[in-house]
Amino acid sequence: WPGLICDEYGKSSLLDMENRGLWGTIPIEIGLLSDLKRIDFSDNPRLKGSIPTEIGLLSNLEEWIMTNCGEIQGAIPSEVGLLTSLVDFGLNRAVHLEGTIPSEIGNLRNLVTVSLDGNSISGALPTEMANLQSLKFLSIVDNLLSGTITTNLVELTNLETMILGGKFEDETIPSFLWTMTSLTSLYLIELQLQSSIDGMGLANLSRLESFVVLGSNIQEALPSEIGLLTHLEDIDVSQNQMSKSIPSEIGLLSHLTSLNLFSNFLEGQLPTELIKLTNLTTLNLSSNRLEGGDLEPLCQALREQDITNMNFLVFNEHFPDQIQCSCCHDQKT
């Protein structure tokens, strides 16, 4: 059987059906493969039907991956809660996968990775997710989630990467997020916020390497406390309603490689401290109200390091001649 791999004892351990042109439904007989440790049905866009409840019989399953299975529909079966050996759970870009995230997911205490992006999952995040004490990676974006972001997520003390997006009712970034000091990457995508970033709270996340709040209606200024997060490599607060000036403290982020602030209402002069960011390879300040500045010293410093993959874009439609930078693409986005 192509794609079915057995271990040294002749037991079926891996069902690798990635990109094999499968069509039709997943047979209920999959539940008979009780020794399986890994299933991958990814990249089979003609696979359709619902996920059989018999999946819950695979008590030894450690990895369950289904990405780009566009015709899969129905809900995630509650029987997923029986897969107590599961470590990696990824059901992504199955646009007809709907219903809510079953509360039984809280039984999967060995989970390290959960990725449920690009589906039609609705409802609130189950409070039982707080039981996933081994979880390090959580990504749930491009769905139809609603309600508020459950405060129980604060119990995920080993979580390193959180990526959340949806039509949540929160008008501010939930304060409990600022206490999740294990985070190294925080992505908040297209939330319906009506507030600014809490600088004092942000400063608590001293391990952050990536901070992204994209298209979430964030207002006021990027807080000066951003300069305290000295491990940051990536900042993206694009497509918000941020105003005022870029804080000079951003020059303290010596590890920063990417800074995206485009499509806001930022104003004032570019801080001269930007020239200290000598590891920067991506800078996008376009579609703001910045009045001027000289980035030429930064360009020169990067050239001296032979950094050739720079992607700089600081075009300002309000003051197109006032920002000087020979390594920038002088055009609108």
C-alpha atoms as a PDB file:
ATOM      1  CA  TRP A   1       0.000   0.000   0.000  1.00  0.00           C
ATOM      2  CA  PRO A   2       1.826   3.152  -1.172  1.00  0.00           C
ATOM      3  CA  GLY A   3       2.300   5.610   1.660  1.00  0.00           C
ATOM      4  CA  LEU A   4       1.783   3.089   4.462  1.00  0.00           C
ATOM      5  CA  ILE A   5       5.033   2.489   6.288  1.00  0.00           C
ATOM      6  CA  CYS A   6       5.589  -0.191   8.889  1.00  0.00           C
ATOM      7  CA  ASP A   7       8.029  -0.257  11.771  1.00  0.00           C
ATOM      8  CA  GLU A   8      10.614  -2.985  12.438  1.00  0.00           C
ATOM      9  CA  TYR A   9       7.917  -5.150  14.007  1.00  0.00           C
ATOM     10  CA  GLY A  10       5.687  -5.012  10.941  1.00  0.00           C
ATOM     11  CA  LYS A  11       3.168  -2.683  12.532  1.00  0.00           C
ATOM     12  CA  SER A  12       1.692   0.213  10.544  1.00  0.00           C
ATOM     13  CA  SER A  13       3.317   3.345  11.995  1.00  0.00           C
ATOM     14  CA  LEU A  14       3.090   6.006   9.275  1.00  0.00           C
ATOM     15  CA  LEU A  15       0.385   6.847   6.746  1.00  0.00           C
ATOM     16  CA  ASP A  16       1.971   9.392   4.418  1.00  0.00           C
ATOM     17  CA  MET A  17      -0.577  10.354   1.769  1.00  0.00           C
ATOM     18  CA  GLU A  18       0.752  13.861   1.124  1.00  0.00           C
ATOM     19  CA  ASN A  19       0.167  15.095  -2.439  1.00  0.00           C
ATOM     20  CA  ARG A  20      -0.970  11.729  -3.826  1.00  0.00           C
ATOM     21  CA  GLY A  21      -3.967  12.961  -5.792  1.00  0.00           C
ATOM     22  CA  LEU A  22      -6.480  11.439  -3.409  1.00  0.00           C
ATOM     23  CA  TRP A  23     -10.166  11.984  -4.035  1.00  0.00           C
ATOM     24  CA  GLY A  24     -13.295  10.804  -2.290  1.00  0.00           C
ATOM     25  CA  THR A  25     -13.678  10.471   1.459  1.00  0.00           C
ATOM     26  CA  ILE A  26     -11.491   9.237   4.285  1.00  0.00           C
ATOM     27  CA  PRO A  27     -12.722   5.663   4.950  1.00  0.00           C
ATOM     28  CA  ILE A  28     -13.971   4.781   8.410  1.00  0.00           C
ATOM     29  CA  GLU A  29     -11.648   1.761   8.272  1.00  0.00           C
ATOM     30  CA  ILE A  30      -8.805   4.121   9.117  1.00  0.00           C
ATOM     31  CA  GLY A  31      -9.745   3.379  12.705  1.00  0.00           C
ATOM     32  CA  LEU A  32      -8.435  -0.164  12.260  1.00  0.00           C
ATOM     33  CA  LEU A  33      -4.849   1.096  11.904  1.00  0.00           C
ATOM     34  CA  SER A  34      -4.508   1.330  15.662  1.00  0.00           C
ATOM     35  CA  ASP A  35      -0.705   1.338  15.661  1.00  0.00           C
ATOM     36  CA  LEU A  36      -0.383   4.458  13.536  1.00  0.00           C
ATOM     37  CA  LYS A  37       1.817   7.185  14.983  1.00  0.00           C
ATOM     38  CA  ARG A  38       1.637   9.674  12.126  1.00  0.00           C
ATOM     39  CA  ILE A  39      -0.975  10.623   9.512  1.00  0.00           C
ATOM     40  CA  ASP A  40      -0.422  13.173   6.760  1.00  0.00           C
ATOM     41  CA  PHE A  41      -3.190  13.840   4.228  1.00  0.00           C
ATOM     42  CA  SER A  42      -1.821  17.225   3.106  1.00  0.00           C
ATOM     43  CA  ASP A  43      -2.117  18.668  -0.402  1.00  0.00           C
ATOM     44  CA  ASN A  44      -5.009  16.535  -1.619  1.00  0.00           C
ATOM     45  CA  PRO A  45      -7.518  19.245  -2.639  1.00  0.00           C
ATOM     46  CA  ARG A  46     -10.066  16.702  -3.972  1.00  0.00           C
ATOM     47  CA  LEU A  47     -10.338  14.892  -0.664  1.00  0.00           C
ATOM     48  CA  LYS A  48     -13.847  15.550   0.618  1.00  0.00           C
ATOM     49  CA  GLY A  49     -16.395  14.566   3.192  1.00  0.00           C
ATOM     50  CA  SER A  50     -16.113  14.774   6.954  1.00  0.00           C
ATOM     51  CA  ILE A  51     -13.411  13.500   9.270  1.00  0.00           C
ATOM     52  CA  PRO A  52     -14.612  10.079  10.451  1.00  0.00           C
ATOM     53  CA  THR A  53     -15.227   9.723  14.178  1.00  0.00           C
ATOM     54  CA  GLU A  54     -13.243   6.480  14.003  1.00  0.00           C
ATOM     55  CA  ILE A  55     -10.121   8.671  14.056  1.00  0.00           C
ATOM     56  CA  GLY A  56     -10.544   8.542  17.820  1.00  0.00           C
ATOM     57  CA  LEU A  57      -9.559   4.858  17.810  1.00  0.00           C
ATOM     58  CA  LEU A  58      -5.952   5.742  16.922  1.00  0.00           C
ATOM     59  CA  SER A  59      -4.771   5.907  20.515  1.00  0.00           C
ATOM     60  CA  ASN A  60      -1.074   5.775  19.536  1.00  0.00           C
ATOM     61  CA  LEU A  61      -1.278   8.690  17.103  1.00  0.00           C
ATOM     62  CA  GLU A  62       1.349  11.372  17.734  1.00  0.00           C
ATOM     63  CA  GLU A  63       1.092  13.495  14.574  1.00  0.00           C
ATOM     64  CA  TRP A  64      -2.051  14.362  12.605  1.00  0.00           C
ATOM     65  CA  ILE A  65      -1.503  16.709   9.668  1.00  0.00           C
ATOM     66  CA  MET A  66      -4.070  17.789   7.056  1.00  0.00           C
ATOM     67  CA  THR A  67      -3.194  20.908   5.070  1.00  0.00           C
ATOM     68  CA  ASN A  68      -4.727  22.059   1.792  1.00  0.00           C
ATOM     69  CA  CYS A  69      -7.572  19.561   1.778  1.00  0.00           C
ATOM     70  CA  GLY A  70     -10.047  22.063   0.417  1.00  0.00           C
ATOM     71  CA  GLU A  71     -13.178  19.891   0.262  1.00  0.00           C
ATOM     72  CA  ILE A  72     -13.037  18.462   3.784  1.00  0.00           C
ATOM     73  CA  GLN A  73     -16.141  19.639   5.624  1.00  0.00           C
ATOM     74  CA  GLY A  74     -18.083  19.233   8.814  1.00  0.00           C
ATOM     75  CA  ALA A  75     -16.661  19.743  12.279  1.00  0.00           C
ATOM     76  CA  ILE A  76     -13.615  18.453  14.106  1.00  0.00           C
ATOM     77  CA  PRO A  77     -15.078  15.364  15.806  1.00  0.00           C
ATOM     78  CA  SER A  78     -15.198  15.361  19.597  1.00  0.00           C
ATOM     79  CA  GLU A  79     -13.448  11.984  19.437  1.00  0.00           C
ATOM     80  CA  VAL A  80     -10.240  13.927  18.902  1.00  0.00           C
ATOM     81  CA  GLY A  81     -10.144  14.052  22.686  1.00  0.00           C
ATOM     82  CA  LEU A  82      -9.334  10.335  22.723  1.00  0.00           C
ATOM     83  CA  LEU A  83      -5.985  10.900  20.970  1.00  0.00           C
ATOM     84  CA  THR A  84      -4.092  11.395  24.199  1.00  0.00           C
ATOM     85  CA  SER A  85      -0.704  10.598  22.610  1.00  0.00           C
ATOM     86  CA  LEU A  86      -1.061  13.414  20.083  1.00  0.00           C
ATOM     87  CA  VAL A  87       1.858  15.860  19.973  1.00  0.00           C
ATOM     88  CA  ASP A  88       1.379  17.678  16.643  1.00  0.00           C
ATOM     89  CA  PHE A  89      -2.133  18.632  15.460  1.00  0.00           C
ATOM     90  CA  GLY A  90      -2.476  20.609  12.222  1.00  0.00           C
ATOM     91  CA  LEU A  91      -5.691  21.025  10.208  1.00  0.00           C
ATOM     92  CA  ASN A  92      -5.038  23.994   7.910  1.00  0.00           C
ATOM     93  CA  ARG A  93      -6.721  25.519   4.881  1.00  0.00           C
ATOM     94  CA  ALA A  94      -9.738  23.224   4.719  1.00  0.00           C
ATOM     95  CA  VAL A  95     -12.114  26.110   4.047  1.00  0.00           C
ATOM     96  CA  HIS A  96     -15.275  24.064   4.660  1.00  0.00           C
ATOM     97  CA  LEU A  97     -14.128  22.702   8.016  1.00  0.00           C
ATOM     98  CA  GLU A  98     -16.630  24.339  10.348  1.00  0.00           C
ATOM     99  CA  GLY A  99     -18.244  24.072  13.742  1.00  0.00           C
ATOM    100  CA  THR A 100     -16.453  24.852  16.983  1.00  0.00           C
ATOM    101  CA  ILE A 101     -13.203  23.612  18.428  1.00  0.00           C
ATOM    102  CA  PRO A 102     -14.353  20.698  20.598  1.00  0.00           C
ATOM    103  CA  SER A 103     -13.851  21.135  24.314  1.00  0.00           C
ATOM    104  CA  GLU A 104     -12.376  17.629  24.363  1.00  0.00           C
ATOM    105  CA  ILE A 105      -9.177  19.093  22.931  1.00  0.00           C
ATOM    106  CA  GLY A 106      -8.336  19.855  26.534  1.00  0.00           C
ATOM    107  CA  ASN A 107      -7.700  16.129  27.083  1.00  0.00           C
ATOM    108  CA  LEU A 108      -4.630  16.237  24.822  1.00  0.00           C
ATOM    109  CA  ARG A 109      -2.079  17.136  27.451  1.00  0.00           C
ATOM    110  CA  ASN A 110       0.886  16.009  25.325  1.00  0.00           C
ATOM    111  CA  LEU A 111       0.159  18.493  22.540  1.00  0.00           C
ATOM    112  CA  VAL A 112       3.127  20.671  21.619  1.00  0.00           C
ATOM    113  CA  THR A 113       1.802  22.170  18.359  1.00  0.00           C
ATOM    114  CA  VAL A 114      -1.741  23.189  17.379  1.00  0.00           C
ATOM    115  CA  SER A 115      -2.368  24.833  14.002  1.00  0.00           C
ATOM    116  CA  LEU A 116      -5.926  25.413  12.764  1.00  0.00           C
ATOM    117  CA  ASP A 117      -5.492  28.168  10.151  1.00  0.00           C
ATOM    118  CA  GLY A 118      -7.619  29.017   7.142  1.00  0.00           C
ATOM    119  CA  ASN A 119     -10.788  27.084   7.972  1.00  0.00           C
ATOM    120  CA  SER A 120     -14.370  28.109   8.798  1.00  0.00           C
ATOM    121  CA  ILE A 121     -14.200  27.266  12.493  1.00  0.00           C
ATOM    122  CA  SER A 122     -16.546  29.442  14.541  1.00  0.00           C
ATOM    123  CA  GLY A 123     -17.484  30.107  18.143  1.00  0.00           C
ATOM    124  CA  ALA A 124     -15.206  30.861  21.061  1.00  0.00           C
ATOM    125  CA  LEU A 125     -11.903  29.312  22.018  1.00  0.00           C
ATOM    126  CA  PRO A 126     -12.729  26.546  24.508  1.00  0.00           C
ATOM    127  CA  THR A 127     -11.615  27.266  28.053  1.00  0.00           C
ATOM    128  CA  GLU A 128     -10.340  23.691  28.224  1.00  0.00           C
ATOM    129  CA  MET A 129      -7.370  24.723  26.075  1.00  0.00           C
ATOM    130  CA  ALA A 130      -5.806  25.866  29.335  1.00  0.00           C
ATOM    131  CA  ASN A 131      -5.143  22.177  30.071  1.00  0.00           C
ATOM    132  CA  LEU A 132      -2.562  21.964  27.269  1.00  0.00           C
ATOM    133  CA  GLN A 133       0.390  22.498  29.549  1.00  0.00           C
ATOM    134  CA  SER A 134       2.934  21.102  27.061  1.00  0.00           C
ATOM    135  CA  LEU A 135       1.838  23.433  24.258  1.00  0.00           C
ATOM    136  CA  LYS A 136       4.591  25.541  22.683  1.00  0.00           C
ATOM    137  CA  PHE A 137       3.002  26.610  19.382  1.00  0.00           C
ATOM    138  CA  LEU A 138      -0.604  27.804  18.896  1.00  0.00           C
ATOM    139  CA  SER A 139      -1.868  29.248  15.603  1.00  0.00           C
ATOM    140  CA  ILE A 140      -5.552  29.897  14.893  1.00  0.00           C
ATOM    141  CA  VAL A 141      -6.121  32.559  12.216  1.00  0.00           C
ATOM    142  CA  ASP A 142      -8.351  33.052   9.161  1.00  0.00           C
ATOM    143  CA  ASN A 143     -11.396  31.443  10.730  1.00  0.00           C
ATOM    144  CA  LEU A 144     -14.746  32.723  12.011  1.00  0.00           C
ATOM    145  CA  LEU A 145     -13.941  32.739  15.712  1.00  0.00           C
ATOM    146  CA  SER A 146     -15.905  35.077  17.957  1.00  0.00           C
ATOM    147  CA  GLY A 147     -16.494  35.824  21.615  1.00  0.00           C
ATOM    148  CA  THR A 148     -13.571  37.026  23.695  1.00  0.00           C
ATOM    149  CA  ILE A 149     -10.065  35.613  23.814  1.00  0.00           C
ATOM    150  CA  THR A 150     -10.302  33.310  26.797  1.00  0.00           C
ATOM    151  CA  THR A 151      -8.210  34.387  29.757  1.00  0.00           C
ATOM    152  CA  ASN A 152      -7.553  30.707  30.490  1.00  0.00           C
ATOM    153  CA  LEU A 153      -4.799  30.787  27.877  1.00  0.00           C
ATOM    154  CA  VAL A 154      -2.656  32.427  30.546  1.00  0.00           C
ATOM    155  CA  GLU A 155      -2.269  28.924  31.983  1.00  0.00           C
ATOM    156  CA  LEU A 156      -0.155  27.903  28.974  1.00  0.00           C
ATOM    157  CA  THR A 157       3.101  28.613  30.746  1.00  0.00           C
ATOM    158  CA  ASN A 158       5.275  26.835  28.161  1.00  0.00           C
ATOM    159  CA  LEU A 159       3.784  28.575  25.130  1.00  0.00           C
ATOM    160  CA  GLU A 160       6.432  30.183  22.934  1.00  0.00           C
ATOM    161  CA  THR A 161       4.481  31.165  19.807  1.00  0.00           C
ATOM    162  CA  MET A 162       0.919  32.504  19.805  1.00  0.00           C
ATOM    163  CA  ILE A 163      -0.777  33.472  16.530  1.00  0.00           C
ATOM    164  CA  LEU A 164      -4.404  34.561  16.914  1.00  0.00           C
ATOM    165  CA  GLY A 165      -6.907  36.221  14.619  1.00  0.00           C
ATOM    166  CA  GLY A 166     -10.667  36.441  14.362  1.00  0.00           C
ATOM    167  CA  LYS A 167     -13.731  38.511  15.028  1.00  0.00           C
ATOM    168  CA  PHE A 168     -13.207  38.506  18.750  1.00  0.00           C
ATOM    169  CA  GLU A 169     -15.120  41.003  20.852  1.00  0.00           C
ATOM    170  CA  ASP A 170     -12.052  42.279  22.699  1.00  0.00           C
ATOM    171  CA  GLU A 171     -11.555  46.032  22.236  1.00  0.00           C
ATOM    172  CA  THR A 172      -8.128  45.973  23.866  1.00  0.00           C
ATOM    173  CA  ILE A 173      -5.262  43.530  23.729  1.00  0.00           C
ATOM    174  CA  PRO A 174      -6.159  41.227  26.647  1.00  0.00           C
ATOM    175  CA  SER A 175      -4.038  42.168  29.642  1.00  0.00           C
ATOM    176  CA  PHE A 176      -3.279  38.526  30.471  1.00  0.00           C
ATOM    177  CA  LEU A 177      -1.164  38.311  27.299  1.00  0.00           C
ATOM    178  CA  TRP A 178       1.346  40.679  28.897  1.00  0.00           C
ATOM    179  CA  THR A 179       1.934  38.136  31.681  1.00  0.00           C
ATOM    180  CA  MET A 180       2.793  35.246  29.329  1.00  0.00           C
ATOM    181  CA  THR A 181       6.525  35.672  29.745  1.00  0.00           C
ATOM    182  CA  SER A 182       7.393  32.411  27.961  1.00  0.00           C
ATOM    183  CA  LEU A 183       6.369  33.944  24.612  1.00  0.00           C
ATOM    184  CA  THR A 184       9.059  34.486  21.994  1.00  0.00           C
ATOM    185  CA  SER A 185       6.607  35.253  19.158  1.00  0.00           C
ATOM    186  CA  LEU A 186       3.264  37.060  19.439  1.00  0.00           C
ATOM    187  CA  TYR A 187       1.112  37.574  16.338  1.00  0.00           C
ATOM    188  CA  LEU A 188      -2.315  39.251  16.559  1.00  0.00           C
ATOM    189  CA  ILE A 189      -3.898  39.371  13.117  1.00  0.00           C
ATOM    190  CA  GLU A 190      -6.919  41.436  12.050  1.00  0.00           C
ATOM    191  CA  LEU A 191      -8.523  41.813  15.454  1.00  0.00           C
ATOM    192  CA  GLN A 192     -11.243  44.415  16.025  1.00  0.00           C
ATOM    193  CA  LEU A 193      -9.405  46.465  18.638  1.00  0.00           C
ATOM    194  CA  GLN A 194     -10.003  50.077  19.681  1.00  0.00           C
ATOM    195  CA  SER A 195      -6.974  50.794  21.822  1.00  0.00           C
ATOM    196  CA  SER A 196      -3.242  51.343  22.026  1.00  0.00           C
ATOM    197  CA  ILE A 197      -0.445  48.955  22.966  1.00  0.00           C
ATOM    198  CA  ASP A 198       0.186  48.824  26.707  1.00  0.00           C
ATOM    199  CA  GLY A 199       3.857  49.740  26.928  1.00  0.00           C
ATOM    200  CA  MET A 200       4.349  48.558  30.496  1.00  0.00           C
ATOM    201  CA  GLY A 201       2.681  45.275  29.660  1.00  0.00           C
ATOM    202  CA  LEU A 202       4.708  44.810  26.498  1.00  0.00           C
ATOM    203  CA  ALA A 203       7.914  45.334  28.476  1.00  0.00           C
ATOM    204  CA  ASN A 204       7.132  42.180  30.477  1.00  0.00           C
ATOM    205  CA  LEU A 205       7.613  40.021  27.395  1.00  0.00           C
ATOM    206  CA  SER A 206      11.387  40.219  27.585  1.00  0.00           C
ATOM    207  CA  ARG A 207      11.928  37.046  25.514  1.00  0.00           C
ATOM    208  CA  LEU A 208      10.046  38.306  22.451  1.00  0.00           C
ATOM    209  CA  GLU A 209      11.800  37.893  19.125  1.00  0.00           C
ATOM    210  CA  SER A 210       8.767  38.617  16.909  1.00  0.00           C
ATOM    211  CA  PHE A 211       6.014  41.136  17.681  1.00  0.00           C
ATOM    212  CA  VAL A 212       3.276  41.446  15.067  1.00  0.00           C
ATOM    213  CA  VAL A 213      -0.055  43.254  15.437  1.00  0.00           C
ATOM    214  CA  LEU A 214      -1.343  43.475  11.875  1.00  0.00           C
ATOM    215  CA  GLY A 215      -4.497  45.208  10.669  1.00  0.00           C
ATOM    216  CA  SER A 216      -6.039  45.368  14.139  1.00  0.00           C
ATOM    217  CA  ASN A 217      -6.966  49.062  14.473  1.00  0.00           C
ATOM    218  CA  ILE A 218      -4.237  49.773  17.024  1.00  0.00           C
ATOM    219  CA  GLN A 219      -4.161  53.476  17.875  1.00  0.00           C
ATOM    220  CA  GLU A 220      -1.809  56.106  19.306  1.00  0.00           C
ATOM    221  CA  ALA A 221       1.949  55.620  19.364  1.00  0.00           C
ATOM    222  CA  LEU A 222       4.272  52.644  19.317  1.00  0.00           C
ATOM    223  CA  PRO A 223       5.296  52.676  23.004  1.00  0.00           C
ATOM    224  CA  SER A 224       8.812  53.676  23.944  1.00  0.00           C
ATOM    225  CA  GLU A 225       9.063  50.514  26.068  1.00  0.00           C
ATOM    226  CA  ILE A 226       9.595  48.623  22.802  1.00  0.00           C
ATOM    227  CA  GLY A 227      13.265  49.473  23.296  1.00  0.00           C
ATOM    228  CA  LEU A 228      13.419  47.175  26.320  1.00  0.00           C
ATOM    229  CA  LEU A 229      12.767  44.081  24.210  1.00  0.00           C
ATOM    230  CA  THR A 230      16.364  43.637  23.174  1.00  0.00           C
ATOM    231  CA  HIS A 231      15.837  40.183  21.638  1.00  0.00           C
ATOM    232  CA  LEU A 232      13.418  41.495  19.017  1.00  0.00           C
ATOM    233  CA  GLU A 233      14.235  40.575  15.422  1.00  0.00           C
ATOM    234  CA  ASP A 234      10.896  41.338  13.760  1.00  0.00           C
ATOM    235  CA  ILE A 235       8.361  44.128  14.369  1.00  0.00           C
ATOM    236  CA  ASP A 236       5.265  44.476  12.203  1.00  0.00           C
ATOM    237  CA  VAL A 237       2.481  46.824  13.276  1.00  0.00           C
ATOM    238  CA  SER A 238       1.344  47.634   9.750  1.00  0.00           C
ATOM    239  CA  GLN A 239      -2.149  48.613   8.609  1.00  0.00           C
ATOM    240  CA  ASN A 240      -3.292  50.080  11.898  1.00  0.00           C
ATOM    241  CA  GLN A 241      -4.286  53.560  13.080  1.00  0.00           C
ATOM    242  CA  MET A 242      -1.049  54.389  14.887  1.00  0.00           C
ATOM    243  CA  SER A 243      -0.072  58.038  15.117  1.00  0.00           C
ATOM    244  CA  LYS A 244       2.592  60.301  16.643  1.00  0.00           C
ATOM    245  CA  SER A 245       6.288  59.670  16.024  1.00  0.00           C
ATOM    246  CA  ILE A 246       8.480  56.588  15.862  1.00  0.00           C
ATOM    247  CA  PRO A 247      10.102  56.244  19.320  1.00  0.00           C
ATOM    248  CA  SER A 248      13.832  56.834  19.400  1.00  0.00           C
ATOM    249  CA  GLU A 249      14.185  53.811  21.701  1.00  0.00           C
ATOM    250  CA  ILE A 250      13.775  51.592  18.656  1.00  0.00           C
ATOM    251  CA  GLY A 251      17.466  52.219  18.053  1.00  0.00           C
ATOM    252  CA  LEU A 252      18.242  49.992  21.056  1.00  0.00           C
ATOM    253  CA  LEU A 253      17.069  46.880  19.197  1.00  0.00           C
ATOM    254  CA  SER A 254      20.415  45.785  17.842  1.00  0.00           C
ATOM    255  CA  HIS A 255      19.105  42.373  16.681  1.00  0.00           C
ATOM    256  CA  LEU A 256      16.264  43.827  14.619  1.00  0.00           C
ATOM    257  CA  THR A 257      16.225  42.567  11.021  1.00  0.00           C
ATOM    258  CA  SER A 258      12.704  43.586   9.936  1.00  0.00           C
ATOM    259  CA  LEU A 259      10.699  46.716  10.779  1.00  0.00           C
ATOM    260  CA  ASN A 260       7.296  47.161   9.126  1.00  0.00           C
ATOM    261  CA  LEU A 261       5.253  50.216  10.096  1.00  0.00           C
ATOM    262  CA  PHE A 262       3.544  50.918   6.782  1.00  0.00           C
ATOM    263  CA  SER A 263      -0.026  52.161   6.385  1.00  0.00           C
ATOM    264  CA  ASN A 264      -0.471  54.056   9.643  1.00  0.00           C
ATOM    265  CA  PHE A 265      -0.618  57.750  10.524  1.00  0.00           C
ATOM    266  CA  LEU A 266       2.894  58.083  11.904  1.00  0.00           C
ATOM    267  CA  GLU A 267       4.283  61.604  11.744  1.00  0.00           C
ATOM    268  CA  GLY A 268       7.321  63.673  12.593  1.00  0.00           C
ATOM    269  CA  GLN A 269      10.977  63.136  11.763  1.00  0.00           C
ATOM    270  CA  LEU A 270      12.577  59.738  11.393  1.00  0.00           C
ATOM    271  CA  PRO A 271      14.584  59.116  14.590  1.00  0.00           C
ATOM    272  CA  THR A 272      18.305  59.338  13.966  1.00  0.00           C
ATOM    273  CA  GLU A 273      18.666  56.224  16.132  1.00  0.00           C
ATOM    274  CA  LEU A 274      17.531  54.137  13.162  1.00  0.00           C
ATOM    275  CA  ILE A 275      21.118  54.226  11.911  1.00  0.00           C
ATOM    276  CA  LYS A 276      22.051  51.949  14.828  1.00  0.00           C
ATOM    277  CA  LEU A 277      19.996  49.095  13.370  1.00  0.00           C
ATOM    278  CA  THR A 278      22.851  47.623  11.400  1.00  0.00           C
ATOM    279  CA  ASN A 279      21.257  44.168  11.115  1.00  0.00           C
ATOM    280  CA  LEU A 280      18.182  45.572   9.409  1.00  0.00           C
ATOM    281  CA  THR A 281      17.337  44.064   6.030  1.00  0.00           C
ATOM    282  CA  THR A 282      13.646  45.007   5.743  1.00  0.00           C
ATOM    283  CA  LEU A 283      12.301  48.469   6.480  1.00  0.00           C
ATOM    284  CA  ASN A 284       8.865  49.637   5.336  1.00  0.00           C
ATOM    285  CA  LEU A 285       7.649  53.035   6.540  1.00  0.00           C
ATOM    286  CA  SER A 286       5.501  53.838   3.508  1.00  0.00           C
ATOM    287  CA  SER A 287       1.973  55.261   3.606  1.00  0.00           C
ATOM    288  CA  ASN A 288       2.505  57.365   6.709  1.00  0.00           C
ATOM    289  CA  ARG A 289       2.894  61.094   7.383  1.00  0.00           C
ATOM    290  CA  LEU A 290       6.576  61.171   8.176  1.00  0.00           C
ATOM    291  CA  GLU A 291       8.174  64.518   7.448  1.00  0.00           C
ATOM    292  CA  GLY A 292      11.745  63.692   6.696  1.00  0.00           C
ATOM    293  CA  GLY A 293      14.980  62.120   7.708  1.00  0.00           C
ATOM    294  CA  ASP A 294      18.284  60.850   6.437  1.00  0.00           C
ATOM    295  CA  LEU A 295      18.852  57.097   6.324  1.00  0.00           C
ATOM    296  CA  GLU A 296      22.009  57.341   4.266  1.00  0.00           C
ATOM    297  CA  PRO A 297      24.305  56.549   7.247  1.00  0.00           C
ATOM    298  CA  LEU A 298      22.376  53.335   7.810  1.00  0.00           C
ATOM    299  CA  CYS A 299      22.644  52.411   4.144  1.00  0.00           C
ATOM    300  CA  GLN A 300      26.370  53.028   4.238  1.00  0.00           C
ATOM    301  CA  ALA A 301      26.800  50.894   7.374  1.00  0.00           C
ATOM    302  CA  LEU A 302      24.910  48.023   5.765  1.00  0.00           C
ATOM    303  CA  ARG A 303      26.988  48.253   2.605  1.00  0.00           C
ATOM    304  CA  GLU A 304      30.147  48.014   4.692  1.00  0.00           C
ATOM    305  CA  GLN A 305      28.802  44.732   6.091  1.00  0.00           C
ATOM    306  CA  ASP A 306      28.113  43.556   2.538  1.00  0.00           C
ATOM    307  CA  ILE A 307      24.418  43.143   3.258  1.00  0.00           C
ATOM    308  CA  THR A 308      22.991  43.005  -0.244  1.00  0.00           C
ATOM    309  CA  ASN A 309      19.435  41.739   0.339  1.00  0.00           C
ATOM    310  CA  MET A 310      18.086  44.996   1.740  1.00  0.00           C
ATOM    311  CA  ASN A 311      14.398  45.665   1.174  1.00  0.00           C
ATOM    312  CA  PHE A 312      13.883  49.279   2.172  1.00  0.00           C
ATOM    313  CA  LEU A 313      10.744  51.237   1.345  1.00  0.00           C
ATOM    314  CA  VAL A 314      10.144  54.603   2.980  1.00  0.00           C
ATOM    315  CA  PHE A 315       8.229  56.417   0.259  1.00  0.00           C
ATOM    316  CA  ASN A 316       6.069  59.122   1.760  1.00  0.00           C
ATOM    317  CA  GLU A 317       3.270  60.419  -0.422  1.00  0.00           C
ATOM    318  CA  HIS A 318       2.836  63.477   1.801  1.00  0.00           C
ATOM    319  CA  PHE A 319       6.492  64.558   1.664  1.00  0.00           C
ATOM    320  CA  PRO A 320       8.036  62.574  -1.203  1.00  0.00           C
ATOM    321  CA  ASP A 321      11.305  64.509  -1.342  1.00  0.00           C
ATOM    322  CA  GLN A 322      12.151  64.771   2.344  1.00  0.00           C
ATOM    323  CA  ILE A 323      13.293  61.242   3.192  1.00  0.00           C
ATOM    324  CA  GLN A 324      16.751  60.528   1.881  1.00  0.00           C
ATOM    325  CA  CYS A 325      17.855  56.922   1.438  1.00  0.00           C
ATOM    326  CA  SER A 326      19.831  55.678  -1.568  1.00  0.00           C
ATOM    327  CA  CYS A 327      19.073  52.009  -0.862  1.00  0.00           C
ATOM    328  CA  CYS A 328      15.311  52.459  -0.696  1.00  0.00           C
ATOM    329  CA  HIS A 329      12.907  51.654  -3.510  1.00  0.00           C
ATOM    330  CA  ASP A 330      11.610  55.105  -4.356  1.00  0.00           C
ATOM    331  CA  GLN A 331       8.088  54.123  -5.255  1.00  0.00           C
ATOM    332  CA  LYS A 332       4.683  53.737  -3.738  1.00  0.00           C
ATOM    333  CA  THR A 333       3.431  50.392  -2.467  1.00  0.00           C
END
